[in-house]
């Protein structure tokens, strides 16, 4: 009976750790973001001091519903490491761009509003290709098409 309880507790902890990670397998240190949103249009500026792995950045929005199409245009730069930035449209189409320390890049296309509990957000996936990137800056604009 004690083994079953311990196994059950470990299973519950494993489920919670996967749920909290959001399936992203990455992390950021020194995240900052400032957004201005009016109705369904907005812009955000910010960055990360360090990105490890793949991380889903979230822009919280209240005027959208889960599944809504959102036009996104984001410019990203990094001082160290190569980044892949991607957004996914409601039809599953994925738009990606690669950013290197030598050149900033822009990702432009449709994203899909998502939700977690009661929060609605625009997910933007950022991946450090070689495992880590540093001093990442971004400027993102979004609107309802």
N, C-alpha and C. Protein backbone atom coordinates (compact mmCIF):
# COMPACT_ATOMS: atom_id res chain seq x y z
N UNK A 1 0.82 -1.20 0.00
CA UNK A 1 0.00 0.00 0.00
C UNK A 1 0.87 1.27 0.00
N UNK A 2 1.97 1.25 0.77
CA UNK A 2 2.86 2.41 0.83
C UNK A 2 3.51 2.67 -0.52
N UNK A 3 3.83 1.59 -1.26
CA UNK A 3 4.43 1.76 -2.59
C UNK A 3 3.45 2.41 -3.56
N UNK A 4 2.21 2.04 -3.45
CA UNK A 4 1.19 2.63 -4.33
C UNK A 4 1.05 4.11 -4.04
N UNK A 5 1.04 4.50 -2.77
CA UNK A 5 0.93 5.92 -2.41
C UNK A 5 2.13 6.70 -2.92
N UNK A 6 3.31 6.15 -2.74
CA UNK A 6 4.52 6.84 -3.20
C UNK A 6 4.50 6.95 -4.73
N UNK A 7 4.12 5.89 -5.41
CA UNK A 7 4.04 5.93 -6.88
C UNK A 7 3.03 6.95 -7.35
N UNK A 8 1.88 7.00 -6.66
CA UNK A 8 0.85 7.96 -7.02
C UNK A 8 1.34 9.39 -6.81
N UNK A 9 2.02 9.65 -5.72
CA UNK A 9 2.56 10.99 -5.45
C UNK A 9 3.58 11.37 -6.51
N UNK A 10 4.48 10.45 -6.86
CA UNK A 10 5.48 10.74 -7.89
C UNK A 10 4.84 10.99 -9.25
N UNK A 11 3.79 10.23 -9.56
CA UNK A 11 3.08 10.44 -10.82
C UNK A 11 2.43 11.82 -10.85
N UNK A 12 1.80 12.22 -9.77
CA UNK A 12 1.17 13.55 -9.70
C UNK A 12 2.21 14.64 -9.83
N UNK A 13 3.36 14.50 -9.16
CA UNK A 13 4.43 15.50 -9.28
C UNK A 13 4.95 15.58 -10.70
N UNK A 14 5.10 14.44 -11.37
CA UNK A 14 5.57 14.44 -12.75
C UNK A 14 4.58 15.14 -13.67
N UNK A 15 3.29 14.90 -13.47
CA UNK A 15 2.26 15.56 -14.28
C UNK A 15 2.30 17.07 -14.08
N UNK A 16 2.41 17.51 -12.82
CA UNK A 16 2.47 18.94 -12.55
C UNK A 16 3.72 19.58 -13.14
N UNK A 17 4.85 18.91 -13.10
CA UNK A 17 6.07 19.51 -13.64
C UNK A 17 5.99 19.67 -15.14
N UNK A 18 5.37 18.71 -15.84
CA UNK A 18 5.18 18.84 -17.29
C UNK A 18 4.19 19.95 -17.58
N UNK A 19 3.11 20.05 -16.83
CA UNK A 19 2.10 21.09 -17.05
C UNK A 19 2.67 22.47 -16.82
N UNK A 20 3.48 22.64 -15.80
CA UNK A 20 4.05 23.95 -15.49
C UNK A 20 5.09 24.36 -16.51
N UNK A 21 5.77 23.40 -17.09
CA UNK A 21 6.79 23.72 -18.08
C UNK A 21 6.17 24.16 -19.39
N UNK A 22 4.89 23.88 -19.59
CA UNK A 22 4.23 24.28 -20.81
C UNK A 22 4.76 23.56 -22.04
N UNK A 23 5.50 22.47 -21.82
CA UNK A 23 6.04 21.73 -22.94
C UNK A 23 7.15 22.46 -23.65
N UNK A 24 7.68 23.51 -23.05
CA UNK A 24 8.64 24.34 -23.76
C UNK A 24 10.07 23.84 -23.60
N UNK A 25 10.41 23.22 -22.48
CA UNK A 25 11.75 22.70 -22.28
C UNK A 25 12.81 23.76 -22.24
N UNK A 26 12.48 24.97 -21.88
CA UNK A 26 13.46 26.03 -21.81
C UNK A 26 13.16 27.00 -20.70
N UNK A 27 14.04 27.98 -20.56
CA UNK A 27 13.85 28.98 -19.51
C UNK A 27 14.50 30.29 -19.93
N UNK A 28 14.06 31.36 -19.28
CA UNK A 28 14.67 32.66 -19.48
C UNK A 28 15.07 33.24 -18.13
N UNK A 29 16.09 34.05 -18.16
CA UNK A 29 16.52 34.82 -17.00
C UNK A 29 16.50 36.28 -17.40
N UNK A 30 16.03 37.13 -16.51
CA UNK A 30 16.01 38.56 -16.80
C UNK A 30 14.99 38.96 -17.84
N UNK A 31 13.79 38.41 -17.75
CA UNK A 31 12.73 38.76 -18.69
C UNK A 31 12.14 40.12 -18.35
N UNK A 32 11.93 40.93 -19.39
CA UNK A 32 11.29 42.23 -19.20
C UNK A 32 10.41 42.50 -20.42
N UNK A 33 9.29 43.16 -20.16
CA UNK A 33 8.36 43.47 -21.25
C UNK A 33 7.48 44.64 -20.84
N UNK A 34 7.29 45.55 -21.76
CA UNK A 34 6.39 46.68 -21.57
C UNK A 34 5.47 46.73 -22.78
N UNK A 35 4.16 46.67 -22.53
CA UNK A 35 3.20 46.64 -23.63
C UNK A 35 2.22 47.80 -23.53
N UNK A 36 1.77 48.24 -24.69
CA UNK A 36 0.69 49.20 -24.80
C UNK A 36 -0.37 48.58 -25.70
N UNK A 37 -1.57 48.38 -25.14
CA UNK A 37 -2.63 47.72 -25.87
C UNK A 37 -3.88 48.59 -25.84
N UNK A 38 -4.44 48.85 -27.03
CA UNK A 38 -5.69 49.58 -27.15
C UNK A 38 -6.62 48.73 -28.00
N UNK A 39 -7.74 48.32 -27.37
CA UNK A 39 -8.69 47.41 -28.02
C UNK A 39 -7.98 46.14 -28.45
N UNK A 40 -7.89 45.89 -29.72
CA UNK A 40 -7.27 44.66 -30.23
C UNK A 40 -5.91 44.90 -30.88
N UNK A 41 -5.36 46.09 -30.71
CA UNK A 41 -4.06 46.44 -31.29
C UNK A 41 -3.08 46.70 -30.17
N UNK A 42 -1.83 46.29 -30.39
CA UNK A 42 -0.85 46.54 -29.34
C UNK A 42 0.58 46.45 -29.83
N UNK A 43 1.47 46.86 -28.94
CA UNK A 43 2.90 46.74 -29.20
C UNK A 43 3.60 46.47 -27.87
N UNK A 44 4.66 45.70 -27.95
CA UNK A 44 5.44 45.34 -26.77
C UNK A 44 6.92 45.47 -27.10
N UNK A 45 7.68 45.95 -26.14
CA UNK A 45 9.13 45.99 -26.24
C UNK A 45 9.66 45.27 -25.01
N UNK A 46 10.78 44.57 -25.19
CA UNK A 46 11.36 43.88 -24.05
C UNK A 46 12.53 43.03 -24.45
N UNK A 47 12.81 42.05 -23.62
CA UNK A 47 13.93 41.16 -23.90
C UNK A 47 14.18 40.18 -22.78
N UNK A 48 15.24 39.40 -22.97
CA UNK A 48 15.69 38.42 -22.00
C UNK A 48 17.20 38.56 -21.85
N UNK A 49 17.68 38.44 -20.63
CA UNK A 49 19.13 38.44 -20.43
C UNK A 49 19.74 37.15 -20.95
N UNK A 50 19.04 36.03 -20.68
CA UNK A 50 19.54 34.74 -21.13
C UNK A 50 18.37 33.81 -21.44
N UNK A 51 18.49 33.11 -22.54
CA UNK A 51 17.51 32.11 -22.95
C UNK A 51 18.22 30.78 -23.08
N UNK A 52 17.62 29.76 -22.48
CA UNK A 52 18.14 28.40 -22.62
C UNK A 52 17.04 27.52 -23.20
N UNK A 53 17.37 26.76 -24.24
CA UNK A 53 16.41 25.84 -24.84
C UNK A 53 15.32 26.55 -25.62
N UNK A 54 14.12 25.99 -25.53
CA UNK A 54 12.96 26.52 -26.25
C UNK A 54 11.97 27.05 -25.23
N UNK A 55 11.54 28.29 -25.43
CA UNK A 55 10.67 28.96 -24.47
C UNK A 55 9.50 29.60 -25.20
N UNK A 56 8.30 29.48 -24.64
CA UNK A 56 7.14 30.12 -25.22
C UNK A 56 6.89 31.43 -24.49
N UNK A 57 7.18 32.53 -25.18
CA UNK A 57 6.93 33.87 -24.63
C UNK A 57 5.45 34.17 -24.80
N UNK A 58 4.85 34.77 -23.78
CA UNK A 58 3.41 35.05 -23.82
C UNK A 58 3.14 36.55 -23.70
N UNK A 59 2.33 37.06 -24.62
CA UNK A 59 1.84 38.43 -24.52
C UNK A 59 0.39 38.34 -24.10
N UNK A 60 0.10 38.76 -22.88
CA UNK A 60 -1.26 38.67 -22.37
C UNK A 60 -2.15 39.71 -23.03
N UNK A 61 -3.32 39.24 -23.47
CA UNK A 61 -4.31 40.10 -24.12
C UNK A 61 -5.69 39.75 -23.57
N UNK A 62 -6.51 40.75 -23.39
CA UNK A 62 -7.84 40.49 -22.84
C UNK A 62 -8.94 40.59 -23.89
N UNK A 63 -8.65 41.21 -25.01
CA UNK A 63 -9.69 41.44 -26.02
C UNK A 63 -9.86 40.27 -26.98
N UNK A 64 -9.03 39.24 -26.86
CA UNK A 64 -9.12 38.09 -27.75
C UNK A 64 -9.73 36.90 -27.04
N UNK A 65 -10.13 35.92 -27.84
CA UNK A 65 -10.58 34.63 -27.33
C UNK A 65 -9.61 33.56 -27.81
N UNK A 66 -9.55 32.47 -27.09
CA UNK A 66 -8.71 31.35 -27.49
C UNK A 66 -9.07 30.92 -28.91
N UNK A 67 -8.06 30.77 -29.76
CA UNK A 67 -8.27 30.35 -31.14
C UNK A 67 -8.34 31.50 -32.13
N UNK A 68 -8.45 32.74 -31.64
CA UNK A 68 -8.50 33.89 -32.55
C UNK A 68 -7.19 34.02 -33.33
N UNK A 69 -7.32 34.43 -34.58
CA UNK A 69 -6.15 34.75 -35.40
C UNK A 69 -5.67 36.15 -35.03
N UNK A 70 -4.35 36.28 -34.87
CA UNK A 70 -3.75 37.56 -34.52
C UNK A 70 -2.57 37.80 -35.47
N UNK A 71 -2.57 38.93 -36.15
CA UNK A 71 -1.43 39.28 -37.00
C UNK A 71 -0.30 39.77 -36.09
N UNK A 72 0.89 39.20 -36.27
CA UNK A 72 2.04 39.54 -35.43
C UNK A 72 3.20 39.95 -36.32
N UNK A 73 3.88 41.01 -35.92
CA UNK A 73 5.14 41.40 -36.56
C UNK A 73 6.13 41.70 -35.46
N UNK A 74 7.15 40.87 -35.35
CA UNK A 74 8.12 41.02 -34.27
C UNK A 74 9.54 41.08 -34.79
N UNK A 75 10.31 42.04 -34.30
CA UNK A 75 11.72 42.16 -34.64
C UNK A 75 12.54 41.73 -33.42
N UNK A 76 13.50 40.84 -33.64
CA UNK A 76 14.31 40.28 -32.57
C UNK A 76 15.79 40.47 -32.88
N UNK A 77 16.59 40.61 -31.82
CA UNK A 77 18.05 40.65 -31.97
C UNK A 77 18.67 39.91 -30.80
N UNK A 78 19.89 39.43 -31.00
CA UNK A 78 20.64 38.76 -29.94
C UNK A 78 22.10 39.17 -30.04
N UNK A 79 22.75 39.27 -28.89
CA UNK A 79 24.17 39.60 -28.86
C UNK A 79 25.03 38.34 -28.90
N UNK A 80 24.45 37.21 -28.46
CA UNK A 80 25.20 35.97 -28.40
C UNK A 80 24.27 34.80 -28.63
N UNK A 81 24.60 33.94 -29.56
CA UNK A 81 23.79 32.76 -29.84
C UNK A 81 22.83 33.00 -31.00
N UNK A 82 22.40 31.90 -31.60
CA UNK A 82 21.46 31.95 -32.73
C UNK A 82 20.06 31.59 -32.21
N UNK A 83 19.07 32.36 -32.67
CA UNK A 83 17.68 32.14 -32.27
C UNK A 83 16.83 31.72 -33.45
N UNK A 84 15.83 30.90 -33.16
CA UNK A 84 14.74 30.64 -34.10
C UNK A 84 13.49 31.18 -33.40
N UNK A 85 12.73 32.01 -34.09
CA UNK A 85 11.47 32.55 -33.56
C UNK A 85 10.36 32.03 -34.45
N UNK A 86 9.27 31.53 -33.81
CA UNK A 86 8.18 31.01 -34.63
C UNK A 86 6.83 31.33 -34.02
N UNK A 87 5.87 31.47 -34.93
CA UNK A 87 4.47 31.65 -34.56
C UNK A 87 3.65 30.66 -35.36
N UNK A 88 2.52 30.25 -34.81
CA UNK A 88 1.68 29.25 -35.46
C UNK A 88 0.29 29.82 -35.69
N UNK A 89 -0.16 29.77 -36.94
CA UNK A 89 -1.48 30.27 -37.33
C UNK A 89 -2.57 29.27 -36.94
N UNK A 90 -3.82 29.73 -36.91
CA UNK A 90 -4.93 28.82 -36.58
C UNK A 90 -5.01 27.59 -37.47
N UNK A 91 -4.57 27.69 -38.73
CA UNK A 91 -4.62 26.53 -39.63
C UNK A 91 -3.40 25.62 -39.49
N UNK A 92 -2.50 25.94 -38.55
CA UNK A 92 -1.33 25.11 -38.31
C UNK A 92 -0.09 25.55 -39.06
N UNK A 93 -0.21 26.55 -39.93
CA UNK A 93 0.95 27.06 -40.66
C UNK A 93 1.92 27.71 -39.68
N UNK A 94 3.19 27.34 -39.79
CA UNK A 94 4.21 27.86 -38.89
C UNK A 94 5.10 28.84 -39.66
N UNK A 95 5.28 30.03 -39.10
CA UNK A 95 6.16 31.04 -39.68
C UNK A 95 7.39 31.13 -38.78
N UNK A 96 8.58 31.02 -39.37
CA UNK A 96 9.82 31.07 -38.58
C UNK A 96 10.79 32.07 -39.17
N UNK A 97 11.71 32.51 -38.32
CA UNK A 97 12.83 33.32 -38.77
C UNK A 97 14.03 32.99 -37.89
N UNK A 98 15.21 33.15 -38.46
CA UNK A 98 16.45 32.90 -37.71
C UNK A 98 17.14 34.23 -37.43
N UNK A 99 17.61 34.39 -36.21
CA UNK A 99 18.28 35.61 -35.79
C UNK A 99 19.68 35.25 -35.34
N UNK A 100 20.67 35.98 -35.83
CA UNK A 100 22.05 35.77 -35.42
C UNK A 100 22.58 37.05 -34.78
N UNK A 101 23.71 36.96 -34.09
CA UNK A 101 24.28 38.18 -33.51
C UNK A 101 24.64 39.23 -34.56
N UNK A 102 24.87 38.79 -35.79
CA UNK A 102 25.23 39.73 -36.86
C UNK A 102 24.03 40.41 -37.49
N UNK A 103 22.84 39.82 -37.35
CA UNK A 103 21.68 40.43 -38.00
C UNK A 103 20.40 40.16 -37.22
N UNK A 104 19.64 41.22 -37.01
CA UNK A 104 18.33 41.04 -36.38
C UNK A 104 17.39 40.46 -37.43
N UNK A 105 16.25 39.99 -37.00
CA UNK A 105 15.31 39.41 -37.93
C UNK A 105 13.89 39.71 -37.53
N UNK A 106 13.00 39.59 -38.50
CA UNK A 106 11.58 39.87 -38.27
C UNK A 106 10.77 38.63 -38.58
N UNK A 107 9.85 38.31 -37.67
CA UNK A 107 8.89 37.25 -37.93
C UNK A 107 7.55 37.96 -38.14
N UNK A 108 6.87 37.62 -39.23
CA UNK A 108 5.63 38.30 -39.56
C UNK A 108 4.64 37.28 -40.09
N UNK A 109 3.46 37.22 -39.46
CA UNK A 109 2.44 36.30 -39.91
C UNK A 109 1.34 36.17 -38.89
N UNK A 110 0.50 35.16 -39.09
CA UNK A 110 -0.61 34.94 -38.17
C UNK A 110 -0.18 34.05 -37.01
N UNK A 111 -0.62 34.42 -35.82
CA UNK A 111 -0.46 33.60 -34.62
C UNK A 111 -1.86 33.24 -34.14
N UNK A 112 -1.92 32.37 -33.17
CA UNK A 112 -3.19 31.92 -32.62
C UNK A 112 -3.25 32.24 -31.14
N UNK A 113 -4.25 33.01 -30.72
CA UNK A 113 -4.42 33.29 -29.30
C UNK A 113 -4.66 31.97 -28.56
N UNK A 114 -4.05 31.85 -27.40
CA UNK A 114 -4.18 30.64 -26.60
C UNK A 114 -4.58 31.03 -25.19
N UNK A 115 -4.79 30.05 -24.33
CA UNK A 115 -5.19 30.37 -22.96
C UNK A 115 -4.57 29.39 -21.98
N UNK A 116 -4.43 29.87 -20.77
CA UNK A 116 -4.00 29.07 -19.65
C UNK A 116 -4.82 29.54 -18.46
N UNK A 117 -5.63 28.66 -17.93
CA UNK A 117 -6.59 29.03 -16.89
C UNK A 117 -7.46 30.14 -17.45
N UNK A 118 -7.48 31.33 -16.85
CA UNK A 118 -8.32 32.42 -17.34
C UNK A 118 -7.54 33.43 -18.18
N UNK A 119 -6.24 33.24 -18.35
CA UNK A 119 -5.41 34.19 -19.08
C UNK A 119 -5.39 33.86 -20.57
N UNK A 120 -5.62 34.88 -21.40
CA UNK A 120 -5.52 34.75 -22.85
C UNK A 120 -4.21 35.40 -23.26
N UNK A 121 -3.46 34.75 -24.16
CA UNK A 121 -2.17 35.29 -24.55
C UNK A 121 -1.85 34.92 -26.00
N UNK A 122 -0.89 35.67 -26.55
CA UNK A 122 -0.34 35.37 -27.87
C UNK A 122 0.98 34.65 -27.62
N UNK A 123 1.10 33.40 -28.07
CA UNK A 123 2.35 32.66 -27.85
C UNK A 123 3.35 32.91 -28.98
N UNK A 124 4.57 33.20 -28.60
CA UNK A 124 5.67 33.35 -29.54
C UNK A 124 6.81 32.46 -29.04
N UNK A 125 7.17 31.47 -29.83
CA UNK A 125 8.18 30.51 -29.41
C UNK A 125 9.56 31.01 -29.83
N UNK A 126 10.48 31.05 -28.85
CA UNK A 126 11.86 31.46 -29.10
C UNK A 126 12.76 30.29 -28.71
N UNK A 127 13.66 29.93 -29.61
CA UNK A 127 14.53 28.79 -29.37
C UNK A 127 15.99 29.19 -29.55
N UNK A 128 16.81 28.87 -28.54
CA UNK A 128 18.25 29.05 -28.66
C UNK A 128 18.80 27.82 -29.37
N UNK A 129 19.25 27.99 -30.61
CA UNK A 129 19.64 26.87 -31.45
C UNK A 129 20.76 26.03 -30.82
N UNK A 130 21.76 26.67 -30.28
CA UNK A 130 22.89 25.95 -29.69
C UNK A 130 22.73 25.78 -28.18
N UNK A 131 21.50 25.89 -27.70
CA UNK A 131 21.25 25.68 -26.28
C UNK A 131 21.13 26.94 -25.46
N UNK A 132 21.81 28.02 -25.86
CA UNK A 132 21.75 29.25 -25.07
C UNK A 132 21.99 30.47 -25.96
N UNK A 133 21.28 31.55 -25.64
CA UNK A 133 21.48 32.85 -26.30
C UNK A 133 21.40 33.91 -25.21
N UNK A 134 22.08 35.05 -25.43
CA UNK A 134 22.11 36.10 -24.41
C UNK A 134 21.79 37.46 -25.01
N UNK A 135 21.32 38.32 -24.12
CA UNK A 135 21.02 39.72 -24.46
C UNK A 135 20.11 39.82 -25.68
N UNK A 136 18.92 39.28 -25.52
CA UNK A 136 17.91 39.26 -26.58
C UNK A 136 16.98 40.45 -26.39
N UNK A 137 16.72 41.16 -27.46
CA UNK A 137 15.80 42.30 -27.46
C UNK A 137 14.70 42.03 -28.48
N UNK A 138 13.49 42.52 -28.20
CA UNK A 138 12.41 42.36 -29.16
C UNK A 138 11.47 43.55 -29.14
N UNK A 139 10.83 43.74 -30.29
CA UNK A 139 9.77 44.72 -30.47
C UNK A 139 8.68 44.01 -31.26
N UNK A 140 7.48 43.92 -30.68
CA UNK A 140 6.41 43.14 -31.29
C UNK A 140 5.16 44.00 -31.43
N UNK A 141 4.56 43.99 -32.61
CA UNK A 141 3.27 44.64 -32.83
C UNK A 141 2.26 43.56 -33.19
N UNK A 142 1.01 43.75 -32.79
CA UNK A 142 -0.03 42.77 -33.11
C UNK A 142 -1.36 43.46 -33.26
N UNK A 143 -2.22 42.85 -34.08
CA UNK A 143 -3.56 43.39 -34.33
C UNK A 143 -4.43 42.26 -34.88
N UNK A 144 -5.73 42.49 -34.81
CA UNK A 144 -6.70 41.52 -35.34
C UNK A 144 -6.82 41.76 -36.85
N UNK A 145 -6.60 40.73 -37.65
CA UNK A 145 -6.67 40.93 -39.11
C UNK A 145 -8.11 41.11 -39.59
